[in-house]
């Protein structure tokens, strides 16, 4: 089972990101589970969501405490205690940042969202980066799930942001090798 924990702030699409990942997994014939965890329900408050993907039915129902991957949608959360707790050895970390990170993949997801979606909602772009970074899901499945969640022009704009992030992550991978 592959477990993902997504950290962000209310209004950044953290919950939608986990849902989109689970739908993309279903499109590939996998089992998936997505659910949120948050305290105060206001914009800007820290929010977490979780996604599990497996080739067999998933029976767990608790939060992801030992993720294989972290997606950090807001770099201002990097100072929070426990952000990296439980990350599996060799686990992947994807950060929404225009600044390169030495040990993690950084994608300028907010900038991509502003360019394509015209709103600072980084979730779709980060999912494209996640697909490239982990290889868990194909970019085509991510894009199809985005289009299903957001039909019409908003879905197309988010799909373009995801594809652009996937391309950037692919370039970063080639440069690193």
N, C-alpha and C. Protein backbone atom coordinates (compact mmCIF):
# COMPACT_ATOMS: atom_id res chain seq x y z
N UNK A 1 0.84 -1.17 0.00
CA UNK A 1 0.00 0.00 0.00
C UNK A 1 0.89 1.24 0.00
N UNK A 2 0.52 2.23 -0.82
CA UNK A 2 1.24 3.50 -0.90
C UNK A 2 0.38 4.54 -0.22
N UNK A 3 0.98 5.25 0.76
CA UNK A 3 0.23 6.21 1.56
C UNK A 3 0.78 7.62 1.35
N UNK A 4 -0.14 8.57 1.17
CA UNK A 4 0.22 9.95 0.89
C UNK A 4 -0.44 10.85 1.93
N UNK A 5 0.34 11.80 2.45
CA UNK A 5 -0.21 12.81 3.35
C UNK A 5 0.01 14.17 2.68
N UNK A 6 -1.06 14.95 2.61
CA UNK A 6 -1.01 16.26 1.96
C UNK A 6 -1.24 17.33 3.03
N UNK A 7 -0.31 18.29 3.08
CA UNK A 7 -0.41 19.41 4.02
C UNK A 7 -0.62 20.70 3.25
N UNK A 8 -1.50 21.52 3.74
CA UNK A 8 -1.72 22.82 3.11
C UNK A 8 -2.54 23.70 4.02
N UNK A 9 -3.15 24.70 3.43
CA UNK A 9 -4.01 25.61 4.18
C UNK A 9 -5.40 25.60 3.55
N UNK A 10 -6.39 25.89 4.40
CA UNK A 10 -7.76 25.93 3.91
C UNK A 10 -7.88 26.86 2.70
N UNK A 11 -8.54 26.39 1.67
CA UNK A 11 -8.70 27.17 0.45
C UNK A 11 -7.71 26.83 -0.64
N UNK A 12 -6.73 25.97 -0.35
CA UNK A 12 -5.73 25.60 -1.35
C UNK A 12 -6.07 24.31 -2.09
N UNK A 13 -7.19 23.71 -1.77
CA UNK A 13 -7.58 22.49 -2.47
C UNK A 13 -6.93 21.23 -1.93
N UNK A 14 -6.60 21.21 -0.65
CA UNK A 14 -5.95 20.06 -0.03
C UNK A 14 -6.86 18.83 -0.07
N UNK A 15 -8.12 19.02 0.27
CA UNK A 15 -9.08 17.91 0.29
C UNK A 15 -9.34 17.43 -1.14
N UNK A 16 -9.52 18.37 -2.06
CA UNK A 16 -9.74 18.00 -3.46
C UNK A 16 -8.55 17.24 -4.04
N UNK A 17 -7.34 17.59 -3.62
CA UNK A 17 -6.14 16.91 -4.12
C UNK A 17 -6.19 15.43 -3.78
N UNK A 18 -6.52 15.09 -2.55
CA UNK A 18 -6.61 13.68 -2.16
C UNK A 18 -7.71 12.96 -2.94
N UNK A 19 -8.84 13.63 -3.12
CA UNK A 19 -9.94 13.04 -3.88
C UNK A 19 -9.53 12.78 -5.33
N UNK A 20 -8.84 13.74 -5.94
CA UNK A 20 -8.40 13.58 -7.32
C UNK A 20 -7.41 12.42 -7.44
N UNK A 21 -6.49 12.31 -6.49
CA UNK A 21 -5.55 11.17 -6.50
C UNK A 21 -6.31 9.85 -6.44
N UNK A 22 -7.32 9.77 -5.58
CA UNK A 22 -8.05 8.50 -5.45
C UNK A 22 -8.81 8.18 -6.74
N UNK A 23 -9.40 9.16 -7.37
CA UNK A 23 -10.11 8.92 -8.62
C UNK A 23 -9.13 8.49 -9.71
N UNK A 24 -7.96 9.13 -9.77
CA UNK A 24 -6.93 8.73 -10.74
C UNK A 24 -6.53 7.27 -10.53
N UNK A 25 -6.41 6.87 -9.27
CA UNK A 25 -6.08 5.47 -8.97
C UNK A 25 -7.18 4.53 -9.44
N UNK A 26 -8.44 4.91 -9.22
CA UNK A 26 -9.56 4.09 -9.69
C UNK A 26 -9.51 3.93 -11.21
N UNK A 27 -9.17 5.02 -11.91
CA UNK A 27 -9.07 4.96 -13.37
C UNK A 27 -8.02 3.95 -13.82
N UNK A 28 -7.05 3.67 -12.96
CA UNK A 28 -5.99 2.71 -13.30
C UNK A 28 -6.28 1.32 -12.74
N UNK A 29 -7.50 1.13 -12.24
CA UNK A 29 -7.89 -0.19 -11.74
C UNK A 29 -7.37 -0.49 -10.35
N UNK A 30 -6.96 0.53 -9.62
CA UNK A 30 -6.44 0.33 -8.26
C UNK A 30 -7.52 0.67 -7.24
N UNK A 31 -7.29 0.27 -6.03
CA UNK A 31 -8.14 0.65 -4.91
C UNK A 31 -7.57 1.92 -4.30
N UNK A 32 -8.43 2.78 -3.80
CA UNK A 32 -7.95 4.02 -3.20
C UNK A 32 -8.92 4.50 -2.14
N UNK A 33 -8.39 5.34 -1.30
CA UNK A 33 -9.15 5.91 -0.20
C UNK A 33 -8.63 7.33 0.01
N UNK A 34 -9.54 8.28 0.18
CA UNK A 34 -9.14 9.67 0.44
C UNK A 34 -10.04 10.25 1.52
N UNK A 35 -9.43 11.02 2.44
CA UNK A 35 -10.21 11.67 3.48
C UNK A 35 -9.41 12.81 4.09
N UNK A 36 -10.11 13.82 4.65
CA UNK A 36 -9.44 14.99 5.22
C UNK A 36 -9.30 14.90 6.73
N UNK A 37 -8.50 15.83 7.26
CA UNK A 37 -8.39 16.04 8.69
C UNK A 37 -8.12 17.51 8.91
N UNK A 38 -9.02 18.18 9.58
CA UNK A 38 -8.80 19.60 9.86
C UNK A 38 -9.54 20.00 11.11
N UNK A 39 -9.04 21.06 11.72
CA UNK A 39 -9.66 21.59 12.94
C UNK A 39 -10.61 22.70 12.58
N UNK A 40 -10.11 23.93 12.59
CA UNK A 40 -10.97 25.05 12.26
C UNK A 40 -11.20 25.05 10.76
N UNK A 41 -12.39 25.41 10.36
CA UNK A 41 -12.75 25.32 8.95
C UNK A 41 -12.70 26.68 8.28
N UNK A 42 -11.63 27.43 8.49
CA UNK A 42 -11.54 28.73 7.85
C UNK A 42 -10.38 28.75 6.86
N UNK A 43 -10.52 29.63 5.88
CA UNK A 43 -9.45 29.78 4.91
C UNK A 43 -8.16 30.16 5.61
N UNK A 44 -7.07 29.54 5.21
CA UNK A 44 -5.77 29.84 5.77
C UNK A 44 -5.35 28.96 6.93
N UNK A 45 -6.28 28.23 7.53
CA UNK A 45 -5.93 27.35 8.65
C UNK A 45 -5.23 26.10 8.11
N UNK A 46 -4.28 25.54 8.85
CA UNK A 46 -3.63 24.30 8.40
C UNK A 46 -4.64 23.17 8.22
N UNK A 47 -4.48 22.46 7.13
CA UNK A 47 -5.36 21.34 6.77
C UNK A 47 -4.49 20.18 6.31
N UNK A 48 -4.94 18.98 6.60
CA UNK A 48 -4.28 17.77 6.09
C UNK A 48 -5.32 16.92 5.39
N UNK A 49 -4.89 16.22 4.38
CA UNK A 49 -5.72 15.18 3.79
C UNK A 49 -4.83 13.98 3.52
N UNK A 50 -5.48 12.85 3.32
CA UNK A 50 -4.75 11.59 3.18
C UNK A 50 -5.28 10.82 1.98
N UNK A 51 -4.40 10.05 1.38
CA UNK A 51 -4.80 9.17 0.29
C UNK A 51 -3.99 7.88 0.40
N UNK A 52 -4.67 6.79 0.20
CA UNK A 52 -4.01 5.48 0.13
C UNK A 52 -4.34 4.86 -1.22
N UNK A 53 -3.36 4.18 -1.80
CA UNK A 53 -3.53 3.50 -3.08
C UNK A 53 -2.95 2.11 -2.95
N UNK A 54 -3.70 1.12 -3.43
CA UNK A 54 -3.22 -0.26 -3.34
C UNK A 54 -3.83 -1.07 -4.48
N UNK A 55 -3.26 -2.25 -4.70
CA UNK A 55 -3.80 -3.18 -5.70
C UNK A 55 -4.88 -4.08 -5.12
N UNK A 56 -5.09 -3.99 -3.82
CA UNK A 56 -6.13 -4.81 -3.17
C UNK A 56 -6.97 -3.90 -2.27
N UNK A 57 -8.13 -4.36 -1.86
CA UNK A 57 -9.01 -3.51 -1.03
C UNK A 57 -8.28 -2.99 0.22
N UNK A 58 -8.63 -1.77 0.59
CA UNK A 58 -8.00 -1.08 1.73
C UNK A 58 -8.95 -1.13 2.91
N UNK A 59 -8.50 -1.70 3.99
CA UNK A 59 -9.35 -1.85 5.19
C UNK A 59 -9.05 -0.80 6.26
N UNK A 60 -7.87 -0.18 6.21
CA UNK A 60 -7.50 0.82 7.21
C UNK A 60 -8.46 2.01 7.16
N UNK A 61 -8.69 2.63 8.31
CA UNK A 61 -9.55 3.80 8.37
C UNK A 61 -8.96 4.93 9.20
N UNK A 62 -7.72 4.80 9.59
CA UNK A 62 -7.10 5.84 10.42
C UNK A 62 -6.24 6.78 9.56
N UNK A 63 -5.89 7.93 10.12
CA UNK A 63 -5.03 8.86 9.38
C UNK A 63 -3.70 8.21 8.99
N UNK A 64 -3.08 8.74 7.97
CA UNK A 64 -1.79 8.25 7.49
C UNK A 64 -0.70 8.77 8.43
N UNK A 65 -0.14 7.88 9.21
CA UNK A 65 0.90 8.26 10.17
C UNK A 65 2.30 7.97 9.63
N UNK A 66 2.41 7.05 8.68
CA UNK A 66 3.70 6.68 8.09
C UNK A 66 3.61 6.78 6.57
N UNK A 67 3.62 8.02 6.06
CA UNK A 67 3.44 8.20 4.62
C UNK A 67 4.66 7.76 3.80
N UNK A 68 4.37 7.32 2.60
CA UNK A 68 5.42 7.05 1.62
C UNK A 68 5.76 8.33 0.86
N UNK A 69 4.82 9.28 0.89
CA UNK A 69 5.02 10.55 0.21
C UNK A 69 4.31 11.66 0.96
N UNK A 70 4.94 12.83 0.96
CA UNK A 70 4.35 14.05 1.50
C UNK A 70 4.22 15.05 0.36
N UNK A 71 3.08 15.71 0.31
CA UNK A 71 2.88 16.83 -0.60
C UNK A 71 2.62 18.04 0.29
N UNK A 72 3.47 19.05 0.18
CA UNK A 72 3.34 20.23 1.02
C UNK A 72 2.92 21.39 0.11
N UNK A 73 1.65 21.76 0.22
CA UNK A 73 1.08 22.76 -0.68
C UNK A 73 1.43 24.19 -0.30
N UNK A 74 1.87 24.40 0.93
CA UNK A 74 2.20 25.75 1.37
C UNK A 74 3.54 25.71 2.11
N UNK A 75 4.58 26.33 1.55
CA UNK A 75 5.90 26.26 2.18
C UNK A 75 5.97 26.96 3.54
N UNK A 76 4.98 27.80 3.88
CA UNK A 76 5.00 28.41 5.21
C UNK A 76 4.72 27.38 6.30
N UNK A 77 4.32 26.19 5.93
CA UNK A 77 4.07 25.13 6.91
C UNK A 77 5.34 24.36 7.27
N UNK A 78 6.42 24.62 6.58
CA UNK A 78 7.65 23.85 6.81
C UNK A 78 8.17 23.96 8.24
N UNK A 79 7.79 25.00 8.95
CA UNK A 79 8.24 25.18 10.34
C UNK A 79 7.38 24.40 11.34
N UNK A 80 6.26 23.85 10.91
CA UNK A 80 5.37 23.16 11.84
C UNK A 80 6.03 21.90 12.41
N UNK A 81 5.97 21.72 13.72
CA UNK A 81 6.52 20.50 14.30
C UNK A 81 5.74 19.29 13.80
N UNK A 82 6.45 18.23 13.53
CA UNK A 82 5.82 16.98 13.14
C UNK A 82 5.47 16.87 11.67
N UNK A 83 5.79 17.87 10.86
CA UNK A 83 5.42 17.84 9.45
C UNK A 83 5.98 16.61 8.74
N UNK A 84 7.22 16.26 9.06
CA UNK A 84 7.87 15.13 8.39
C UNK A 84 7.79 13.83 9.21
N UNK A 85 7.08 13.87 10.33
CA UNK A 85 6.98 12.68 11.19
C UNK A 85 6.45 11.48 10.42
N UNK A 86 7.09 10.35 10.63
CA UNK A 86 6.63 9.10 10.07
C UNK A 86 6.99 8.86 8.62
N UNK A 87 7.61 9.83 7.95
CA UNK A 87 7.94 9.66 6.53
C UNK A 87 8.81 8.41 6.37
N UNK A 88 8.38 7.53 5.49
CA UNK A 88 9.10 6.28 5.25
C UNK A 88 10.51 6.57 4.77
N UNK A 89 11.45 5.70 5.15
CA UNK A 89 12.82 5.81 4.65
C UNK A 89 12.77 5.77 3.12
N UNK A 90 13.39 6.73 2.50
CA UNK A 90 13.36 6.81 1.04
C UNK A 90 12.07 7.39 0.51
N UNK A 91 11.20 7.89 1.40
CA UNK A 91 9.94 8.48 0.97
C UNK A 91 10.17 9.75 0.17
N UNK A 92 9.17 10.14 -0.59
CA UNK A 92 9.30 11.34 -1.42
C UNK A 92 8.59 12.52 -0.78
N UNK A 93 9.16 13.70 -1.03
CA UNK A 93 8.59 14.95 -0.54
C UNK A 93 8.50 15.90 -1.72
N UNK A 94 7.32 16.46 -1.91
CA UNK A 94 7.08 17.44 -2.97
C UNK A 94 6.62 18.72 -2.29
N UNK A 95 7.32 19.82 -2.58
CA UNK A 95 7.02 21.10 -1.95
C UNK A 95 6.63 22.13 -3.01
N UNK A 96 5.60 22.89 -2.72
CA UNK A 96 5.19 24.00 -3.57
C UNK A 96 6.15 25.16 -3.32
N UNK A 97 7.13 25.30 -4.18
CA UNK A 97 8.11 26.36 -4.01
C UNK A 97 8.80 26.65 -5.34
N UNK A 98 9.05 27.93 -5.58
CA UNK A 98 9.81 28.32 -6.76
C UNK A 98 11.31 28.20 -6.51
N UNK A 99 11.69 28.01 -5.24
CA UNK A 99 13.10 27.87 -4.88
C UNK A 99 13.47 26.39 -4.86
N UNK A 100 14.59 26.04 -5.46
CA UNK A 100 15.02 24.63 -5.43
C UNK A 100 15.29 24.18 -3.99
N UNK A 101 15.01 22.93 -3.72
CA UNK A 101 15.29 22.33 -2.41
C UNK A 101 16.29 21.21 -2.62
N UNK A 102 17.28 21.15 -1.76
CA UNK A 102 18.36 20.19 -1.93
C UNK A 102 17.87 18.74 -1.85
N UNK A 103 17.03 18.42 -0.87
CA UNK A 103 16.65 17.02 -0.65
C UNK A 103 15.25 16.67 -1.14
N UNK A 104 14.52 17.65 -1.64
CA UNK A 104 13.13 17.42 -2.03
C UNK A 104 12.87 18.01 -3.41
N UNK A 105 11.81 17.54 -4.04
CA UNK A 105 11.39 18.13 -5.32
C UNK A 105 10.56 19.36 -5.03
N UNK A 106 10.93 20.47 -5.63
CA UNK A 106 10.18 21.71 -5.51
C UNK A 106 9.57 22.05 -6.86
N UNK A 107 8.29 22.34 -6.85
CA UNK A 107 7.56 22.74 -8.06
C UNK A 107 6.90 24.08 -7.75
N UNK A 108 7.01 25.07 -8.63
CA UNK A 108 6.37 26.36 -8.39
C UNK A 108 4.87 26.28 -8.70
N UNK A 109 4.16 25.51 -7.92
CA UNK A 109 2.75 25.20 -8.20
C UNK A 109 1.85 26.42 -8.14
N UNK A 110 2.09 27.32 -7.21
CA UNK A 110 1.25 28.52 -7.14
C UNK A 110 1.43 29.36 -8.39
N UNK A 111 2.68 29.50 -8.85
CA UNK A 111 2.92 30.26 -10.07
C UNK A 111 2.25 29.59 -11.28
N UNK A 112 2.32 28.27 -11.35
CA UNK A 112 1.66 27.55 -12.44
C UNK A 112 0.14 27.73 -12.37
N UNK A 113 -0.40 27.68 -11.16
CA UNK A 113 -1.84 27.87 -10.99
C UNK A 113 -2.25 29.28 -11.44
N UNK A 114 -1.47 30.26 -11.05
CA UNK A 114 -1.78 31.64 -11.47
C UNK A 114 -1.71 31.77 -12.99
N UNK A 115 -0.74 31.13 -13.59
CA UNK A 115 -0.58 31.20 -15.05
C UNK A 115 -1.74 30.53 -15.78
N UNK A 116 -2.11 29.33 -15.35
CA UNK A 116 -3.11 28.56 -16.09
C UNK A 116 -4.53 28.72 -15.56
N UNK A 117 -4.69 28.78 -14.25
CA UNK A 117 -6.02 28.80 -13.63
C UNK A 117 -6.43 30.22 -13.24
N UNK A 118 -5.44 31.09 -13.13
CA UNK A 118 -5.63 32.48 -12.71
C UNK A 118 -6.13 32.61 -11.28
N UNK A 119 -5.80 31.62 -10.48
CA UNK A 119 -6.09 31.62 -9.04
C UNK A 119 -4.94 30.91 -8.35
N UNK A 120 -4.59 31.30 -7.11
CA UNK A 120 -3.45 30.69 -6.42
C UNK A 120 -3.81 29.38 -5.72
N UNK A 121 -4.33 28.43 -6.49
CA UNK A 121 -4.72 27.13 -5.94
C UNK A 121 -3.78 26.08 -6.53
N UNK A 122 -2.77 25.63 -5.74
CA UNK A 122 -1.68 24.82 -6.27
C UNK A 122 -1.95 23.32 -6.38
N UNK A 123 -3.11 22.85 -5.98
CA UNK A 123 -3.30 21.40 -5.86
C UNK A 123 -3.12 20.63 -7.17
N UNK A 124 -3.73 21.07 -8.25
CA UNK A 124 -3.64 20.32 -9.50
C UNK A 124 -2.20 20.26 -10.02
N UNK A 125 -1.52 21.39 -9.95
CA UNK A 125 -0.12 21.40 -10.41
C UNK A 125 0.72 20.43 -9.58
N UNK A 126 0.51 20.42 -8.27
CA UNK A 126 1.28 19.51 -7.43
C UNK A 126 0.98 18.05 -7.75
N UNK A 127 -0.23 17.75 -8.14
CA UNK A 127 -0.55 16.36 -8.49
C UNK A 127 0.18 15.93 -9.76
N UNK A 128 0.35 16.85 -10.69
CA UNK A 128 1.17 16.55 -11.86
C UNK A 128 2.61 16.27 -11.48
N UNK A 129 3.15 17.09 -10.58
CA UNK A 129 4.51 16.88 -10.08
C UNK A 129 4.63 15.57 -9.33
N UNK A 130 3.61 15.25 -8.54
CA UNK A 130 3.59 13.99 -7.78
C UNK A 130 3.64 12.79 -8.73
N UNK A 131 2.86 12.84 -9.79
CA UNK A 131 2.84 11.73 -10.76
C UNK A 131 4.23 11.51 -11.36
N UNK A 132 4.90 12.60 -11.70
CA UNK A 132 6.25 12.48 -12.27
C UNK A 132 7.26 12.01 -11.23
N UNK A 133 7.14 12.52 -10.01
CA UNK A 133 8.11 12.19 -8.96
C UNK A 133 8.03 10.73 -8.55
N UNK A 134 6.83 10.22 -8.35
CA UNK A 134 6.67 8.89 -7.78
C UNK A 134 6.44 7.79 -8.81
N UNK A 135 5.85 8.12 -9.94
CA UNK A 135 5.49 7.10 -10.92
C UNK A 135 4.33 6.22 -10.45
N UNK A 136 3.70 6.58 -9.34
CA UNK A 136 2.58 5.79 -8.81
C UNK A 136 1.40 5.80 -9.75
N UNK A 137 1.11 6.96 -10.33
CA UNK A 137 -0.02 7.13 -11.24
C UNK A 137 0.45 7.83 -12.50
N UNK A 138 -0.22 7.54 -13.60
CA UNK A 138 0.13 8.18 -14.87
C UNK A 138 -0.45 9.59 -14.92
N UNK A 139 0.23 10.49 -15.61
CA UNK A 139 -0.26 11.86 -15.74
C UNK A 139 -1.62 11.86 -16.45
N UNK A 140 -1.83 10.94 -17.36
CA UNK A 140 -3.12 10.87 -18.06
C UNK A 140 -4.27 10.59 -17.09
N UNK A 141 -4.01 9.78 -16.08
CA UNK A 141 -5.04 9.47 -15.08
C UNK A 141 -5.29 10.68 -14.19
N UNK A 142 -4.24 11.38 -13.82
CA UNK A 142 -4.37 12.60 -13.02
C UNK A 142 -5.21 13.63 -13.78
N UNK A 143 -4.87 13.84 -15.03
CA UNK A 143 -5.58 14.82 -15.86
C UNK A 143 -7.05 14.42 -16.02
N UNK A 144 -7.31 13.15 -16.26
CA UNK A 144 -8.70 12.69 -16.39
C UNK A 144 -9.48 12.91 -15.10
N UNK A 145 -8.85 12.65 -13.96
CA UNK A 145 -9.51 12.85 -12.66
C UNK A 145 -9.77 14.33 -12.40
N UNK A 146 -8.85 15.19 -12.79
CA UNK A 146 -9.04 16.64 -12.65
C UNK A 146 -10.24 17.07 -13.49
N UNK A 147 -10.30 16.60 -14.72
CA UNK A 147 -11.41 16.97 -15.60
C UNK A 147 -12.74 16.46 -15.08
N UNK A 148 -12.72 15.30 -14.43
CA UNK A 148 -13.96 14.79 -13.85
C UNK A 148 -14.41 15.64 -12.65
N UNK A 149 -13.46 16.02 -11.82
CA UNK A 149 -13.77 16.81 -10.62
C UNK A 149 -14.21 18.23 -10.99
N UNK A 150 -13.57 18.81 -12.00
CA UNK A 150 -13.85 20.19 -12.41
C UNK A 150 -14.16 20.22 -13.91
N UNK A 151 -15.39 19.92 -14.30
CA UNK A 151 -15.71 19.93 -15.73
C UNK A 151 -15.60 21.35 -16.32
N UNK A 152 -15.38 21.41 -17.61
CA UNK A 152 -15.36 22.70 -18.30
C UNK A 152 -14.00 23.35 -18.28
N UNK A 153 -14.01 24.67 -18.46
CA UNK A 153 -12.77 25.42 -18.60
C UNK A 153 -11.90 25.37 -17.36
N UNK A 154 -12.48 25.37 -16.17
CA UNK A 154 -11.67 25.31 -14.95
C UNK A 154 -10.91 23.99 -14.88
N UNK A 155 -11.55 22.91 -15.30
CA UNK A 155 -10.87 21.62 -15.34
C UNK A 155 -9.76 21.59 -16.38
N UNK A 156 -10.02 22.19 -17.53
CA UNK A 156 -8.99 22.24 -18.58
C UNK A 156 -7.80 23.07 -18.12
N UNK A 157 -8.07 24.18 -17.45
CA UNK A 157 -6.98 25.03 -16.95
C UNK A 157 -6.16 24.29 -15.90
N UNK A 158 -6.82 23.58 -14.99
CA UNK A 158 -6.11 22.80 -13.97
C UNK A 158 -5.34 21.65 -14.61
N UNK A 159 -5.90 21.05 -15.64
CA UNK A 159 -5.21 19.96 -16.34
C UNK A 159 -3.92 20.48 -16.99
N UNK A 160 -3.98 21.70 -17.56
CA UNK A 160 -2.77 22.29 -18.15
C UNK A 160 -1.72 22.57 -17.08
N UNK A 161 -2.16 23.03 -15.91
CA UNK A 161 -1.22 23.28 -14.80
C UNK A 161 -0.57 21.97 -14.36
N UNK A 162 -1.36 20.91 -14.26
CA UNK A 162 -0.82 19.60 -13.86
C UNK A 162 0.20 19.10 -14.88
N UNK A 163 -0.13 19.24 -16.15
CA UNK A 163 0.80 18.79 -17.20
C UNK A 163 2.09 19.60 -17.18
N UNK A 164 1.98 20.91 -16.96
CA UNK A 164 3.18 21.77 -16.90
C UNK A 164 4.06 21.36 -15.72
N UNK A 165 3.44 21.05 -14.58
CA UNK A 165 4.22 20.62 -13.41
C UNK A 165 4.86 19.27 -13.67
N UNK A 166 4.15 18.37 -14.33
CA UNK A 166 4.71 17.06 -14.68
C UNK A 166 5.95 17.26 -15.56
N UNK A 167 5.84 18.16 -16.55
CA UNK A 167 6.97 18.44 -17.43
C UNK A 167 8.16 18.98 -16.64
N UNK A 168 7.91 19.91 -15.72
CA UNK A 168 8.99 20.46 -14.89
C UNK A 168 9.65 19.38 -14.03
N UNK A 169 8.83 18.53 -13.44
CA UNK A 169 9.37 17.45 -12.59
C UNK A 169 10.19 16.46 -13.43
N UNK A 170 9.75 16.20 -14.64
CA UNK A 170 10.52 15.33 -15.54
C UNK A 170 11.88 15.96 -15.85
N UNK A 171 11.89 17.26 -16.13
CA UNK A 171 13.15 17.97 -16.40
C UNK A 171 14.06 17.92 -15.18
N UNK A 172 13.50 18.11 -13.99
CA UNK A 172 14.30 18.07 -12.76
C UNK A 172 14.90 16.69 -12.56
N UNK A 173 14.15 15.65 -12.88
CA UNK A 173 14.64 14.28 -12.75
C UNK A 173 15.81 14.02 -13.70
N UNK A 174 15.67 14.48 -14.95
CA UNK A 174 16.72 14.30 -15.94
C UNK A 174 17.97 15.06 -15.51
N UNK A 175 17.80 16.29 -15.00
CA UNK A 175 18.94 17.11 -14.56
C UNK A 175 19.68 16.48 -13.39
N UNK A 176 18.92 15.83 -12.51
CA UNK A 176 19.52 15.22 -11.31
C UNK A 176 20.33 13.99 -11.65
N UNK A 177 20.06 13.38 -12.77
CA UNK A 177 20.77 12.12 -13.13
C UNK A 177 21.90 12.35 -14.07
